[in-house]
Structure formats: C-alpha cells, structure tokens
Amino acid sequence: MRVDYNTPIVNPAVVVMPAWAQVTEKRHAHIARVTTLLDAWASSLDLTAADRKAWHDVGVLHDALRDAPEEELRRLTGDTERPWHILHGPAVAARLEREGERRADVLEAIRWHTLGSAHWGRTGKALFMADFLEPGRPFSRADRAFLAAHVTSDFDGVFRQVVRTRIEWTVREGKMLFPETADLWNSVR
C-alpha cells in the first residue's frame, strides 16, 4: 500500500470502533489516518500477521475514549491526580484488560501513547510516531511528511526525531514535561 503523505488520509472503512468508544467525527477521521499510516508501514516492513494486527489495533483503539467525560476517564483509571486530558489512553487500556486483552505490547502502546514509554517495543513506538505524523495535523506538514516517508527505512532514527520534536514543542509551549516523557527521551538519545 502506497501512502501519499501530502494528502490527508481519511478512510473510515479501516476503522471499526468498539461500541463503547466515544469519539467525535473529527476524532474518528484522525483515528482512520493513524490506522492507515500504521497499516502502510506494517505492510512495507513485512511484519508478521500478528504484528500487523497489533499495529492496526493500536491505531483503531488509541483514542477510543478521547472524547469521554472526565468522570468516566477517572473512574476507569482510578486516577484522581493527573490532568484528565491525558487519561484516555490509560482508560482504554484498562477497559481492554477487563475485556480480556492480553497483548502487552498493545496495552502498553495504548496506555502511554500520549506521554511515551521508555519500555516500548516497536508497536508502541510505531503508534507514537503515527499519532504525531499522520497527515491531517496542520503543523509542520513538510517536515512531518518527510519523517513519515522514512519510518520504514530508518525506524529508530525517525522515532528519535519524533520524540525530540514533541519534547521541544512541549518545552517551547511551557507545558508540563511528564516523567514518562523524560524517561523516553533518556532511553533514545
């Protein structure tokens, strides 16, 4: 599958959301673009069927509760401390675990996709990159398209650059740098 990184990918047919998902139409389009990008990379990298399914599933599920109310996210995670807008990944992972999901790479990729994890394998790293590089985002389009086009030839190098770029933006915007993100940076630099 060839991906045109200059044209936003919107193919909701690749995204079948669970009945419990709470996403807007705009979020659904983002999920479709992330999933399409992950599917293209997985195909190009000639991953095993199990790994392709994992990459597809994390694309579909990573933001499944992104538009859920704060109370629900806090109930699902039991977290009363952290900012609620970062709880959608942990909430989805908790829900999936309760439903019987046992693939650790899938659960950890979804759980930490917003902050990052120093303990990820390729599934988590791929989701982190696809979530940032998907072509529907309006900023740094040429730079992000360049990086997305090189994931399959320099997976670790592109991952390092995505982590760097996200941290630089966080610091520049005066946002909180979470310990998980700092640990991720220390693991790739």
C-alpha atoms as a PDB file:
ATOM      1  CA  MET A   1       0.000   0.000   0.000  1.00  0.00           C
ATOM      2  CA  ARG A   2       1.453   3.355  -1.010  1.00  0.00           C
ATOM      3  CA  VAL A   3       0.658   6.308   1.222  1.00  0.00           C
ATOM      4  CA  ASP A   4       0.616   9.827  -0.177  1.00  0.00           C
ATOM      5  CA  TYR A   5       1.918  11.818   2.776  1.00  0.00           C
ATOM      6  CA  ASN A   6       0.851  15.101   1.192  1.00  0.00           C
ATOM      7  CA  THR A   7      -2.843  14.235   1.163  1.00  0.00           C
ATOM      8  CA  PRO A   8      -4.742  13.664   4.397  1.00  0.00           C
ATOM      9  CA  ILE A   9      -5.809  10.037   4.671  1.00  0.00           C
ATOM     10  CA  VAL A  10      -9.421   9.575   5.551  1.00  0.00           C
ATOM     11  CA  ASN A  11     -10.566   6.002   5.140  1.00  0.00           C
ATOM     12  CA  PRO A  12     -13.033   5.273   7.929  1.00  0.00           C
ATOM     13  CA  ALA A  13     -13.626   1.836   6.388  1.00  0.00           C
ATOM     14  CA  VAL A  14     -10.393   0.621   8.012  1.00  0.00           C
ATOM     15  CA  VAL A  15     -11.669   1.694  11.411  1.00  0.00           C
ATOM     16  CA  VAL A  16     -14.340  -0.320  13.156  1.00  0.00           C
ATOM     17  CA  MET A  17     -14.689   1.234  16.586  1.00  0.00           C
ATOM     18  CA  PRO A  18     -15.911  -0.750  19.598  1.00  0.00           C
ATOM     19  CA  ALA A  19     -19.459   0.001  20.756  1.00  0.00           C
ATOM     20  CA  TRP A  20     -18.116   1.688  23.915  1.00  0.00           C
ATOM     21  CA  ALA A  21     -15.942   4.184  22.005  1.00  0.00           C
ATOM     22  CA  GLN A  22     -16.644   7.860  22.500  1.00  0.00           C
ATOM     23  CA  VAL A  23     -15.225   9.841  19.600  1.00  0.00           C
ATOM     24  CA  THR A  24     -16.364  12.769  17.532  1.00  0.00           C
ATOM     25  CA  GLU A  25     -16.432  12.596  13.748  1.00  0.00           C
ATOM     26  CA  LYS A  26     -13.227  14.650  13.659  1.00  0.00           C
ATOM     27  CA  ARG A  27     -11.517  12.253  16.093  1.00  0.00           C
ATOM     28  CA  HIS A  28     -12.733   9.275  14.056  1.00  0.00           C
ATOM     29  CA  ALA A  29     -11.059  10.757  10.966  1.00  0.00           C
ATOM     30  CA  HIS A  30      -7.803  11.180  12.949  1.00  0.00           C
ATOM     31  CA  ILE A  31      -8.016   7.551  14.108  1.00  0.00           C
ATOM     32  CA  ALA A  32      -8.554   6.435  10.498  1.00  0.00           C
ATOM     33  CA  ARG A  33      -5.475   8.363   9.338  1.00  0.00           C
ATOM     34  CA  VAL A  34      -3.305   6.959  12.145  1.00  0.00           C
ATOM     35  CA  THR A  35      -4.519   3.422  11.428  1.00  0.00           C
ATOM     36  CA  THR A  36      -3.983   3.771   7.685  1.00  0.00           C
ATOM     37  CA  LEU A  37      -0.436   5.008   8.273  1.00  0.00           C
ATOM     38  CA  LEU A  38       0.321   2.130  10.656  1.00  0.00           C
ATOM     39  CA  ASP A  39      -1.136  -0.389   8.191  1.00  0.00           C
ATOM     40  CA  ALA A  40       1.032   1.016   5.388  1.00  0.00           C
ATOM     41  CA  TRP A  41       4.196   0.885   7.495  1.00  0.00           C
ATOM     42  CA  ALA A  42       3.420  -2.636   8.700  1.00  0.00           C
ATOM     43  CA  SER A  43       2.932  -3.794   5.123  1.00  0.00           C
ATOM     44  CA  SER A  44       6.114  -2.106   3.901  1.00  0.00           C
ATOM     45  CA  LEU A  45       8.114  -3.569   6.796  1.00  0.00           C
ATOM     46  CA  ASP A  46       6.683  -7.012   6.012  1.00  0.00           C
ATOM     47  CA  LEU A  47       5.672  -7.603   9.620  1.00  0.00           C
ATOM     48  CA  THR A  48       4.194 -10.898  10.761  1.00  0.00           C
ATOM     49  CA  ALA A  49       0.414 -11.218  10.675  1.00  0.00           C
ATOM     50  CA  ALA A  50       0.301 -10.938  14.481  1.00  0.00           C
ATOM     51  CA  ASP A  51       2.372  -7.738  14.462  1.00  0.00           C
ATOM     52  CA  ARG A  52       0.300  -6.235  11.641  1.00  0.00           C
ATOM     53  CA  LYS A  53      -2.845  -6.921  13.665  1.00  0.00           C
ATOM     54  CA  ALA A  54      -1.275  -5.339  16.764  1.00  0.00           C
ATOM     55  CA  TRP A  55      -0.311  -2.210  14.828  1.00  0.00           C
ATOM     56  CA  HIS A  56      -3.779  -1.985  13.274  1.00  0.00           C
ATOM     57  CA  ASP A  57      -5.488  -2.496  16.626  1.00  0.00           C
ATOM     58  CA  VAL A  58      -3.471   0.186  18.443  1.00  0.00           C
ATOM     59  CA  GLY A  59      -4.299   2.608  15.648  1.00  0.00           C
ATOM     60  CA  VAL A  60      -8.014   1.920  15.948  1.00  0.00           C
ATOM     61  CA  LEU A  61      -8.157   1.888  19.745  1.00  0.00           C
ATOM     62  CA  HIS A  62      -5.636   4.505  20.933  1.00  0.00           C
ATOM     63  CA  ASP A  63      -8.151   7.371  21.049  1.00  0.00           C
ATOM     64  CA  ALA A  64     -11.335   5.310  21.527  1.00  0.00           C
ATOM     65  CA  LEU A  65     -12.181   7.248  24.706  1.00  0.00           C
ATOM     66  CA  ARG A  66     -10.567  10.579  23.762  1.00  0.00           C
ATOM     67  CA  ASP A  67     -13.917  12.360  23.883  1.00  0.00           C
ATOM     68  CA  ALA A  68     -15.248  10.633  27.001  1.00  0.00           C
ATOM     69  CA  PRO A  69     -16.151  12.803  30.001  1.00  0.00           C
ATOM     70  CA  GLU A  70     -13.573  13.374  32.738  1.00  0.00           C
ATOM     71  CA  GLU A  71     -15.615  11.470  35.311  1.00  0.00           C
ATOM     72  CA  GLU A  72     -15.619   8.338  33.176  1.00  0.00           C
ATOM     73  CA  LEU A  73     -11.878   8.522  32.488  1.00  0.00           C
ATOM     74  CA  ARG A  74     -11.136   8.936  36.192  1.00  0.00           C
ATOM     75  CA  ARG A  75     -13.469   6.050  37.075  1.00  0.00           C
ATOM     76  CA  LEU A  76     -11.838   3.724  34.539  1.00  0.00           C
ATOM     77  CA  THR A  77      -8.284   4.601  35.571  1.00  0.00           C
ATOM     78  CA  GLY A  78      -8.758   5.302  39.274  1.00  0.00           C
ATOM     79  CA  ASP A  79      -6.505   8.330  38.722  1.00  0.00           C
ATOM     80  CA  THR A  80      -7.593  11.441  40.591  1.00  0.00           C
ATOM     81  CA  GLU A  81      -4.276  13.308  40.279  1.00  0.00           C
ATOM     82  CA  ARG A  82      -3.153  13.653  36.683  1.00  0.00           C
ATOM     83  CA  PRO A  83      -4.693  16.068  34.185  1.00  0.00           C
ATOM     84  CA  TRP A  84      -7.778  14.378  32.806  1.00  0.00           C
ATOM     85  CA  HIS A  85      -6.896  15.060  29.154  1.00  0.00           C
ATOM     86  CA  ILE A  86      -4.048  12.504  29.329  1.00  0.00           C
ATOM     87  CA  LEU A  87      -6.192   9.729  30.821  1.00  0.00           C
ATOM     88  CA  HIS A  88      -7.857   8.469  27.643  1.00  0.00           C
ATOM     89  CA  GLY A  89      -5.006   6.047  26.816  1.00  0.00           C
ATOM     90  CA  PRO A  90      -4.868   4.521  30.307  1.00  0.00           C
ATOM     91  CA  ALA A  91      -8.685   4.327  30.312  1.00  0.00           C
ATOM     92  CA  VAL A  92      -8.771   2.430  27.011  1.00  0.00           C
ATOM     93  CA  ALA A  93      -6.023   0.056  28.222  1.00  0.00           C
ATOM     94  CA  ALA A  94      -7.911  -0.581  31.464  1.00  0.00           C
ATOM     95  CA  ARG A  95     -11.127  -1.261  29.564  1.00  0.00           C
ATOM     96  CA  LEU A  96      -9.372  -3.626  27.157  1.00  0.00           C
ATOM     97  CA  GLU A  97      -7.712  -5.519  30.012  1.00  0.00           C
ATOM     98  CA  ARG A  98     -11.086  -6.014  31.672  1.00  0.00           C
ATOM     99  CA  GLU A  99     -12.412  -7.357  28.374  1.00  0.00           C
ATOM    100  CA  GLY A 100      -9.589  -9.894  28.155  1.00  0.00           C
ATOM    101  CA  GLU A 101      -6.910  -8.205  26.026  1.00  0.00           C
ATOM    102  CA  ARG A 102      -3.583  -9.833  26.919  1.00  0.00           C
ATOM    103  CA  ARG A 103      -1.159  -8.493  24.304  1.00  0.00           C
ATOM    104  CA  ALA A 104       1.210  -6.479  26.499  1.00  0.00           C
ATOM    105  CA  ASP A 105       2.614  -4.521  23.543  1.00  0.00           C
ATOM    106  CA  VAL A 106      -0.885  -3.395  22.529  1.00  0.00           C
ATOM    107  CA  LEU A 107      -1.893  -2.424  26.066  1.00  0.00           C
ATOM    108  CA  GLU A 108       1.336  -0.509  26.748  1.00  0.00           C
ATOM    109  CA  ALA A 109       1.258   1.261  23.374  1.00  0.00           C
ATOM    110  CA  ILE A 110      -2.272   2.500  24.003  1.00  0.00           C
ATOM    111  CA  ARG A 111      -1.733   3.249  27.698  1.00  0.00           C
ATOM    112  CA  TRP A 112       1.281   5.529  27.100  1.00  0.00           C
ATOM    113  CA  HIS A 113       0.721   6.865  23.568  1.00  0.00           C
ATOM    114  CA  THR A 114       0.267  10.434  24.805  1.00  0.00           C
ATOM    115  CA  LEU A 115       3.285  10.617  27.119  1.00  0.00           C
ATOM    116  CA  GLY A 116       5.597   7.931  25.772  1.00  0.00           C
ATOM    117  CA  SER A 117       7.307   4.995  27.450  1.00  0.00           C
ATOM    118  CA  ALA A 118      10.963   4.062  27.714  1.00  0.00           C
ATOM    119  CA  HIS A 119       9.874   0.410  27.793  1.00  0.00           C
ATOM    120  CA  TRP A 120       8.108   0.232  24.435  1.00  0.00           C
ATOM    121  CA  GLY A 121       8.844  -2.196  21.668  1.00  0.00           C
ATOM    122  CA  ARG A 122       8.102  -1.406  18.038  1.00  0.00           C
ATOM    123  CA  THR A 123       4.311  -1.358  18.460  1.00  0.00           C
ATOM    124  CA  GLY A 124       4.378   1.498  20.977  1.00  0.00           C
ATOM    125  CA  LYS A 125       6.999   3.398  19.009  1.00  0.00           C
ATOM    126  CA  ALA A 126       5.033   2.995  15.782  1.00  0.00           C
ATOM    127  CA  LEU A 127       1.849   4.320  17.388  1.00  0.00           C
ATOM    128  CA  PHE A 128       3.692   7.278  18.939  1.00  0.00           C
ATOM    129  CA  MET A 129       5.080   8.190  15.513  1.00  0.00           C
ATOM    130  CA  ALA A 130       1.850   7.643  13.578  1.00  0.00           C
ATOM    131  CA  ASP A 131      -0.177   9.686  16.064  1.00  0.00           C
ATOM    132  CA  PHE A 132       2.224  12.600  15.560  1.00  0.00           C
ATOM    133  CA  LEU A 133       2.996  12.179  11.858  1.00  0.00           C
ATOM    134  CA  GLU A 134      -0.492  11.492  10.490  1.00  0.00           C
ATOM    135  CA  PRO A 135      -1.063  13.887   7.595  1.00  0.00           C
ATOM    136  CA  GLY A 136      -4.242  15.525   8.902  1.00  0.00           C
ATOM    137  CA  ARG A 137      -2.405  17.570  11.512  1.00  0.00           C
ATOM    138  CA  PRO A 138      -1.958  21.165  10.306  1.00  0.00           C
ATOM    139  CA  PHE A 139       1.557  21.996  11.592  1.00  0.00           C
ATOM    140  CA  SER A 140       4.997  21.344  10.062  1.00  0.00           C
ATOM    141  CA  ARG A 141       3.460  19.363   7.224  1.00  0.00           C
ATOM    142  CA  ALA A 142       6.560  19.099   5.059  1.00  0.00           C
ATOM    143  CA  ASP A 143       8.811  18.061   7.952  1.00  0.00           C
ATOM    144  CA  ARG A 144       6.319  15.524   9.252  1.00  0.00           C
ATOM    145  CA  ALA A 145       5.710  14.126   5.757  1.00  0.00           C
ATOM    146  CA  PHE A 146       9.463  13.695   5.308  1.00  0.00           C
ATOM    147  CA  LEU A 147       9.728  11.818   8.599  1.00  0.00           C
ATOM    148  CA  ALA A 148       6.682   9.646   7.849  1.00  0.00           C
ATOM    149  CA  ALA A 149       8.150   8.698   4.476  1.00  0.00           C
ATOM    150  CA  HIS A 150      11.343   7.487   6.176  1.00  0.00           C
ATOM    151  CA  VAL A 151       9.877   5.380   9.005  1.00  0.00           C
ATOM    152  CA  THR A 152      10.328   2.132   7.099  1.00  0.00           C
ATOM    153  CA  SER A 153      13.950   2.837   6.162  1.00  0.00           C
ATOM    154  CA  ASP A 154      15.101   4.399   9.457  1.00  0.00           C
ATOM    155  CA  PHE A 155      12.595   3.380  12.126  1.00  0.00           C
ATOM    156  CA  ASP A 156      14.800   4.179  15.148  1.00  0.00           C
ATOM    157  CA  GLY A 157      16.149   7.425  13.699  1.00  0.00           C
ATOM    158  CA  VAL A 158      12.687   8.744  12.881  1.00  0.00           C
ATOM    159  CA  PHE A 159      11.420   7.672  16.293  1.00  0.00           C
ATOM    160  CA  ARG A 160      14.247   9.592  17.991  1.00  0.00           C
ATOM    161  CA  GLN A 161      13.433  12.686  15.914  1.00  0.00           C
ATOM    162  CA  VAL A 162       9.705  12.471  16.716  1.00  0.00           C
ATOM    163  CA  VAL A 163      10.463  12.209  20.436  1.00  0.00           C
ATOM    164  CA  ARG A 164      12.843  15.184  20.172  1.00  0.00           C
ATOM    165  CA  THR A 165      10.327  17.275  18.226  1.00  0.00           C
ATOM    166  CA  ARG A 166       7.498  16.555  20.656  1.00  0.00           C
ATOM    167  CA  ILE A 167       9.664  17.422  23.673  1.00  0.00           C
ATOM    168  CA  GLU A 168      10.904  20.634  22.034  1.00  0.00           C
ATOM    169  CA  TRP A 169       7.298  21.690  21.389  1.00  0.00           C
ATOM    170  CA  THR A 170       6.281  20.847  24.973  1.00  0.00           C
ATOM    171  CA  VAL A 171       9.091  22.937  26.419  1.00  0.00           C
ATOM    172  CA  ARG A 172       8.574  25.812  23.943  1.00  0.00           C
ATOM    173  CA  GLU A 173       4.867  25.958  24.802  1.00  0.00           C
ATOM    174  CA  GLY A 174       5.606  25.942  28.543  1.00  0.00           C
ATOM    175  CA  LYS A 175       3.702  22.713  29.075  1.00  0.00           C
ATOM    176  CA  MET A 176       4.431  20.134  31.730  1.00  0.00           C
ATOM    177  CA  LEU A 177       7.046  17.542  30.842  1.00  0.00           C
ATOM    178  CA  PHE A 178       5.894  14.308  32.439  1.00  0.00           C
ATOM    179  CA  PRO A 179       8.430  11.879  33.966  1.00  0.00           C
ATOM    180  CA  GLU A 180       7.464   9.181  31.433  1.00  0.00           C
ATOM    181  CA  THR A 181       8.343  11.526  28.572  1.00  0.00           C
ATOM    182  CA  ALA A 182      11.696  12.434  30.130  1.00  0.00           C
ATOM    183  CA  ASP A 183      12.432   8.719  30.638  1.00  0.00           C
ATOM    184  CA  LEU A 184      11.563   8.080  26.992  1.00  0.00           C
ATOM    185  CA  TRP A 185      13.976  10.798  25.866  1.00  0.00           C
ATOM    186  CA  ASN A 186      16.741   9.411  28.065  1.00  0.00           C
ATOM    187  CA  SER A 187      16.214   5.971  26.525  1.00  0.00           C
ATOM    188  CA  VAL A 188      16.614   7.139  22.899  1.00  0.00           C
ATOM    189  CA  ARG A 189      19.222   9.889  22.929  1.00  0.00           C
END
